[in-house]
Each structure stands twice: as C-alpha cells, then as structure tokens.
Protein backbone atom coordinates (compact mmCIF):
# COMPACT_ATOMS: atom_id res chain seq x y z
CA MET A 1 94.42 147.73 116.05
CA PHE A 2 96.91 148.25 113.21
CA GLY A 3 99.82 148.73 115.64
CA PRO A 4 99.40 145.44 117.54
CA ARG A 5 98.72 143.64 114.27
CA LEU A 6 101.91 145.00 112.72
CA VAL A 7 104.04 144.13 115.75
CA SER A 8 102.54 140.64 115.94
CA GLY A 9 103.16 140.16 112.23
CA ILE A 10 106.81 141.15 112.56
CA VAL A 11 107.28 138.81 115.54
CA LEU A 12 105.66 135.94 113.62
CA ILE A 13 107.91 136.55 110.62
CA ILE A 14 111.01 136.53 112.83
CA ILE A 15 109.89 133.27 114.48
CA ALA A 16 109.14 131.71 111.08
CA LEU A 17 112.52 132.74 109.66
CA ALA A 18 114.35 131.39 112.70
CA THR A 19 112.50 128.08 112.95
CA PHE A 20 112.42 127.42 109.19
CA GLY A 21 116.11 128.16 108.99
CA LEU A 22 117.09 125.99 111.96
CA GLY A 23 114.75 123.10 111.23
CA GLY A 24 115.22 119.95 113.33
CA PRO A 25 114.03 119.93 116.96
CA VAL A 26 113.40 123.70 117.06
CA LEU A 27 110.97 123.57 114.14
CA ALA A 28 109.38 120.32 115.35
CA ALA A 29 108.79 121.70 118.86
CA THR A 30 107.38 124.97 117.51
CA LEU A 31 105.00 123.18 115.17
CA LEU A 32 103.93 120.83 117.95
CA ALA A 33 103.02 123.76 120.20
CA ILE A 34 101.19 125.54 117.37
CA SER A 35 99.37 122.35 116.44
CA LEU A 36 98.16 121.70 119.98
CA ILE A 37 96.80 125.22 120.25
CA ALA A 38 95.16 125.02 116.82
CA PHE A 39 93.64 121.64 117.71
CA ARG A 40 92.05 123.13 120.83
CA GLU A 41 90.82 126.19 118.91
CA LEU A 42 89.12 123.94 116.38
CA THR A 43 87.53 121.64 118.96
CA LYS A 44 86.12 124.69 120.76
CA ALA A 45 84.83 126.21 117.52
CA LEU A 46 83.24 122.91 116.50
CA ASN A 47 81.72 122.39 119.95
CA VAL A 48 83.60 119.21 120.77
CA SER A 49 83.91 120.62 124.30
CA ARG A 50 80.22 121.17 124.84
CA PRO A 51 78.45 119.15 127.51
CA ALA A 52 75.57 116.92 126.52
CA ASP A 53 72.99 119.48 127.65
CA GLY A 54 74.16 122.49 125.65
CA ASP A 55 76.74 124.71 124.01
CA GLN A 56 79.57 125.84 126.27
CA ARG A 57 82.25 126.97 123.85
CA GLU A 58 83.75 129.69 126.03
CA GLY A 59 85.62 128.37 129.02
CA ALA A 60 84.66 124.76 128.39
CA PRO A 61 87.08 122.32 130.02
CA TRP A 62 88.93 119.69 128.04
CA ASN A 63 87.05 116.43 127.66
CA LEU A 64 88.24 112.90 126.93
CA LEU A 65 87.95 113.28 123.15
CA GLU A 66 90.25 116.30 123.27
CA TYR A 67 92.75 114.61 125.59
CA VAL A 68 92.94 111.64 123.22
CA GLY A 69 93.34 113.96 120.23
CA ALA A 70 96.06 115.99 121.95
CA ALA A 71 97.92 112.82 122.90
CA GLY A 72 97.66 111.78 119.27
CA VAL A 73 99.19 115.09 118.17
CA VAL A 74 102.18 114.54 120.48
CA ALA A 75 102.60 110.95 119.27
CA TYR A 76 102.34 112.03 115.64
CA TYR A 77 105.07 114.65 115.97
CA ALA A 78 107.25 112.25 117.93
CA ALA A 79 106.93 109.77 115.07
CA ALA A 80 107.78 112.49 112.53
CA PHE A 81 110.82 113.61 114.52
CA PHE A 82 112.30 110.28 115.60
CA SER A 83 111.68 108.26 112.44
CA ASP A 84 112.00 108.77 108.71
CA ALA A 85 109.55 105.94 108.00
CA GLN A 86 106.25 107.57 107.09
CA VAL A 87 104.36 104.38 107.89
CA TYR A 88 104.54 105.44 111.54
CA LEU A 89 102.74 108.67 110.69
CA LEU A 90 99.98 106.68 109.02
CA MET A 91 99.82 104.41 112.06
CA CYS A 92 99.36 107.45 114.31
CA ILE A 93 96.55 108.83 112.14
CA VAL A 94 94.68 105.53 112.12
CA GLY A 95 95.46 105.03 115.82
CA VAL A 96 93.92 108.38 116.77
CA PHE A 97 90.81 107.58 114.76
CA MET A 98 90.46 104.19 116.46
CA ALA A 99 91.11 105.69 119.90
CA LEU A 100 88.38 108.30 119.37
CA MET A 101 85.99 105.57 118.25
CA LEU A 102 86.88 103.59 121.39
CA VAL A 103 86.07 106.58 123.59
CA TYR A 104 82.79 107.03 121.74
CA VAL A 105 81.78 103.42 122.32
CA VAL A 106 83.01 103.00 125.90
CA THR A 107 81.49 106.26 127.17
CA PHE A 108 78.27 106.09 125.16
CA PRO A 109 76.02 108.12 125.28
CA LYS A 110 78.26 110.85 126.74
CA PHE A 111 79.41 112.01 123.29
CA ASN A 112 77.51 112.11 120.04
CA ALA A 113 78.83 111.17 116.62
CA THR A 114 79.17 114.81 115.56
CA GLN A 115 81.62 115.49 118.39
CA VAL A 116 83.72 112.44 117.50
CA VAL A 117 83.85 113.42 113.83
CA ALA A 118 84.75 117.00 114.79
CA ALA A 119 87.56 115.81 117.07
CA CYS A 120 89.00 113.65 114.29
CA PHE A 121 88.65 116.51 111.80
CA SER A 122 90.43 118.88 114.22
CA PHE A 123 93.33 116.43 114.50
CA LEU A 124 93.69 116.07 110.73
CA TYR A 125 93.04 119.66 109.76
CA ALA A 126 95.65 121.52 111.78
CA PRO A 127 98.24 119.17 113.35
CA VAL A 128 98.62 116.69 110.50
CA MET A 129 98.49 119.29 107.74
CA LEU A 130 100.93 121.60 109.55
CA SER A 131 103.38 118.74 110.01
CA PHE A 132 104.15 119.01 106.29
CA VAL A 133 106.12 122.15 107.10
CA TYR A 134 108.50 119.94 109.09
CA LEU A 135 108.41 117.12 106.53
CA THR A 136 109.27 119.58 103.76
CA ARG A 137 112.11 121.15 105.75
CA MET A 138 113.68 117.78 106.54
CA CYS A 139 113.58 116.54 102.94
CA PRO A 140 116.78 116.49 100.89
CA GLN A 141 117.20 120.13 99.80
CA GLY A 142 114.40 120.94 102.22
CA LYS A 143 116.22 124.03 103.44
CA TYR A 144 115.43 125.51 100.02
CA MET A 145 112.01 123.94 99.49
CA VAL A 146 110.46 125.01 102.78
CA TRP A 147 110.52 128.72 101.93
CA MET A 148 108.02 128.10 99.16
CA ILE A 149 105.44 127.51 101.89
CA LEU A 150 105.92 131.03 103.23
CA ILE A 151 105.96 132.51 99.72
CA SER A 152 102.72 130.74 98.84
CA SER A 153 100.88 131.54 102.07
CA TRP A 154 102.02 134.76 103.69
CA GLY A 155 103.43 136.11 100.43
CA CYS A 156 100.09 135.48 98.75
CA ASP A 157 98.22 137.13 101.63
CA THR A 158 100.34 140.26 101.33
CA CYS A 159 100.15 140.52 97.54
CA ALA A 160 96.40 139.85 97.52
CA TYR A 161 95.84 142.50 100.18
CA VAL A 162 97.87 145.15 98.33
CA VAL A 163 96.31 144.46 94.92
CA GLY A 164 92.84 144.28 96.42
CA MET A 165 93.30 147.62 98.17
CA LEU A 166 94.61 149.29 95.02
CA ILE A 167 92.36 147.97 92.25
CA GLY A 168 90.01 145.43 93.82
CA LYS A 169 86.41 145.92 92.64
CA LYS A 170 84.71 142.62 91.83
CA LYS A 171 83.69 140.79 94.99
CA ILE A 172 84.20 137.09 94.43
CA PHE A 173 82.88 135.65 97.73
CA PRO A 174 80.53 138.35 99.09
CA GLN A 175 78.84 136.14 101.69
CA LEU A 176 81.92 134.28 102.85
CA SER A 177 84.54 137.03 102.72
CA PRO A 178 83.10 140.42 101.68
CA LYS A 179 86.51 142.13 101.45
CA LYS A 180 88.06 139.64 99.02
CA SER A 181 88.09 140.69 95.38
CA LEU A 182 88.80 138.79 92.18
CA GLU A 183 91.62 141.21 91.42
CA GLY A 184 93.15 140.57 94.86
CA CYS A 185 92.96 136.80 94.43
CA ILE A 186 94.64 136.97 91.03
CA GLY A 187 97.23 139.40 92.39
CA GLY A 188 98.02 136.99 95.22
CA VAL A 189 98.67 134.13 92.81
CA LEU A 190 100.72 136.21 90.37
CA GLY A 191 102.63 137.84 93.23
CA SER A 192 103.52 134.48 94.74
CA ALA A 193 104.62 133.17 91.36
CA THR A 194 106.80 136.23 90.83
CA ILE A 195 108.39 136.01 94.27
CA GLY A 196 108.91 132.27 93.69
CA ALA A 197 110.64 132.90 90.36
CA LEU A 198 112.93 135.49 91.93
CA TYR A 199 113.67 133.18 94.83
CA GLY A 200 114.44 130.34 92.45
CA HIS A 201 116.70 132.48 90.29
CA PHE A 202 118.69 134.34 92.95
CA ILE A 203 118.78 131.75 95.74
CA VAL A 204 118.20 128.21 94.50
CA GLU A 205 119.90 128.45 91.11
CA ALA A 206 122.78 130.37 92.68
CA ALA A 207 123.33 127.39 94.99
CA PHE A 208 122.81 124.87 92.15
CA PRO A 209 124.11 126.58 88.99
CA ASP A 210 123.65 123.43 86.93
CA GLN A 211 119.87 123.45 87.47
CA THR A 212 117.15 125.68 86.05
CA VAL A 213 114.28 125.51 88.50
CA LYS A 214 112.93 129.06 88.78
CA TRP A 215 109.95 128.37 86.54
CA ILE A 216 109.15 125.16 88.37
CA ILE A 217 109.31 127.01 91.68
CA ALA A 218 107.15 129.80 90.25
CA PHE A 219 104.52 127.23 89.21
CA ILE A 220 104.62 125.48 92.58
CA CYS A 221 104.24 128.81 94.40
CA ALA A 222 101.31 129.77 92.16
CA VAL A 223 99.49 126.51 92.87
CA GLY A 224 100.35 126.88 96.55
CA ALA A 225 98.90 130.41 96.49
CA VAL A 226 95.60 129.10 95.11
CA MET A 227 95.44 126.54 97.92
CA SER A 228 96.44 129.24 100.39
CA GLN A 229 93.31 131.20 99.52
CA VAL A 230 91.21 128.04 99.71
CA GLY A 231 92.56 127.44 103.21
CA ASP A 232 91.83 131.01 104.25
CA LEU A 233 88.26 130.82 102.96
CA ALA A 234 87.66 127.37 104.46
CA ALA A 235 88.70 128.58 107.90
CA SER A 236 86.42 131.61 107.46
CA ALA A 237 83.54 129.35 106.45
CA ILE A 238 83.91 127.33 109.64
CA LYS A 239 83.78 130.54 111.70
CA ARG A 240 80.68 131.74 109.88
CA ASN A 241 78.98 128.36 110.27
CA HIS A 242 79.52 128.58 114.02
CA GLN A 243 78.99 132.34 114.45
CA ILE A 244 82.43 133.19 115.86
CA LYS A 245 84.63 136.14 114.97
CA ASP A 246 88.05 134.66 115.75
CA TYR A 247 89.34 131.26 116.77
CA GLY A 248 91.22 132.75 119.73
CA LYS A 249 92.97 135.79 121.17
CA LEU A 250 96.54 134.53 121.38
CA ILE A 251 98.01 136.79 118.66
CA PRO A 252 97.15 140.48 119.12
CA GLY A 253 95.53 141.94 116.04
CA HIS A 254 95.23 138.56 114.34
CA GLY A 255 93.18 136.33 116.64
CA GLY A 256 94.15 132.73 117.25
CA ILE A 257 96.59 130.33 115.64
CA MET A 258 93.92 129.21 113.18
CA ASP A 259 93.25 132.80 112.17
CA ARG A 260 96.90 133.41 111.23
CA PHE A 261 98.00 129.99 109.99
CA ASP A 262 94.83 129.03 108.09
CA SER A 263 96.48 129.51 104.70
CA MET A 264 99.73 127.77 105.62
CA ILE A 265 97.85 124.73 106.92
CA VAL A 266 96.54 123.92 103.43
CA THR A 267 99.56 125.19 101.52
CA ALA A 268 102.20 123.07 103.28
CA PRO A 269 101.03 119.64 102.01
CA MET A 270 100.60 120.98 98.48
CA ILE A 271 104.13 122.40 98.41
CA TYR A 272 105.53 119.16 99.84
CA PHE A 273 103.93 116.92 97.23
CA LEU A 274 104.60 119.21 94.27
CA ALA A 275 108.21 119.73 95.31
CA ILE A 276 108.71 115.98 95.69
CA LEU A 277 107.18 115.29 92.26
CA MET A 278 108.73 118.15 90.29
CA ILE A 279 112.10 118.90 91.91
CA ARG A 280 113.39 115.71 93.46
CA GLN A 281 113.96 113.83 90.22
C-alpha cells in the first residue's frame, strides 16, 4: 500500500504546484472538479442518497437534492471566476439553501429534514470552503499567499507524521484517531510555522525587500496548521459516525477526495482571512 500511496502523493503534489502556480481558469476548473467529487462523497457518507425505505450508500443513484447541490456548486464557482463581487457568492449560498428547501417542500414526503440538512452541509463543507483556495490565489499578492495553504495543510500532515513516528507517545484522541499523538500535533504546528518562516524569508521578503513578513507568515501557518488538524479530525469523526473506512477510492492509497483534502478544506478559509487581515494593510 505504501507504493501506491507514495506515487499518488507525488502526483497530487505536482498537480497542486501546477494549479496553484497557474491560478486563473486552470485552478478554478480543478477546484470545481474536486468540489463536485467531494460533494458527492459527503452526500453518500451522510446518506443523502438513501431511498425512503433504507440505507443504500453504495451504488445509490443521484437524487434531486444532489442534483440541486451540484448545480449550486457549478454556479458558485462560475460566480467566483467571472466576478470579483463577493455578493454573488453569498447569493449562490443562499440560493442553494432556498432551492434545497423548495425541493423538500415540493416533493414532501420523499425526503426527510436530515437529508436536506446533510445536502446543505455537503455543499458548504467541501465546495464553498475549498473555493477559498481560488479566492486566496486571485487576491493581490495571492501568488505568494496561496502557498501558505499547502504549508499549513500538507506541510503540517508531513511534520506531524514524522514527529509522531519518532517521539509520539501520548495519545490525544484515542477514540477518534488512535494513531495521533500530542507530540505529533505539536510537531505539525511547529513544523508548519518553521516552513512558513523560511518561505517568508527566502521567497516573500526576497520579492519585497522593504517588508518584513516572515514572522507574520509563520504565525498564519501555525494557526492554519491547528485548523488543518481540526479538519482532519472532523472528517474522521464523520466517517466514524457513519461506520465507513474511506470516503471513496479515487486516489490509490489515500481513499477519496475528502480523505486527502480534509485538512485543506478547513485551512483555506483561515489562511484567506488571516492573510487579508494581517498582510494586506
């Protein structure tokens, strides 16, 4: 399993480097595809697809709630790509919620309230949160800011794994994630902060010699790393609540999109807002 996981990880890193670097339509299209897959993985995990008479997670066809949610994902990314006015993004979010409520009312009693709430949650959790990768990249100086998302998510994952393997002893979430240790969690945060400081010093400050931002970037990456681990654990909690091992099988050795991007989903909005508040002054 290590071989496929390693190869998949390398491919994902190459794709991330290429799309983050290019930005624009390439990044938007990639995130749209990832978001649609993640949306479907979540709706299956949360049993939005189940018929009224039972659980049919595996192989369940798309239903009207999912079609409406997927259409909302496409509309949301179209609004993000074609307009700089974020009011259109808010309109899409509210519009998807209202459309799901309309389906609930018109088709009653085909769907129950739990399915509607889960469909709305699936739309917000992956597609909307992941869109902050694109929003960050397209900000002024976004070509520098966006890399903090990778440092805080995948960088944290790597540092936490290494530190946990070497010195991890105290299990911090034994029921939720038995392999995670306190030492690994701390190592992930400190590792991300260190990588962020180095990135700020050698890359950002080299491009803007009149600015000293490495410590700000280190702080942002540290906070992002904390949220990265929250995102990882939250996605694991959903799987445990619904007795599933992986969200999908798309990525060999990793599982589904939600299994690999769970940390980035939560990290991206945090990096966006902190970078806006602390750097763009």
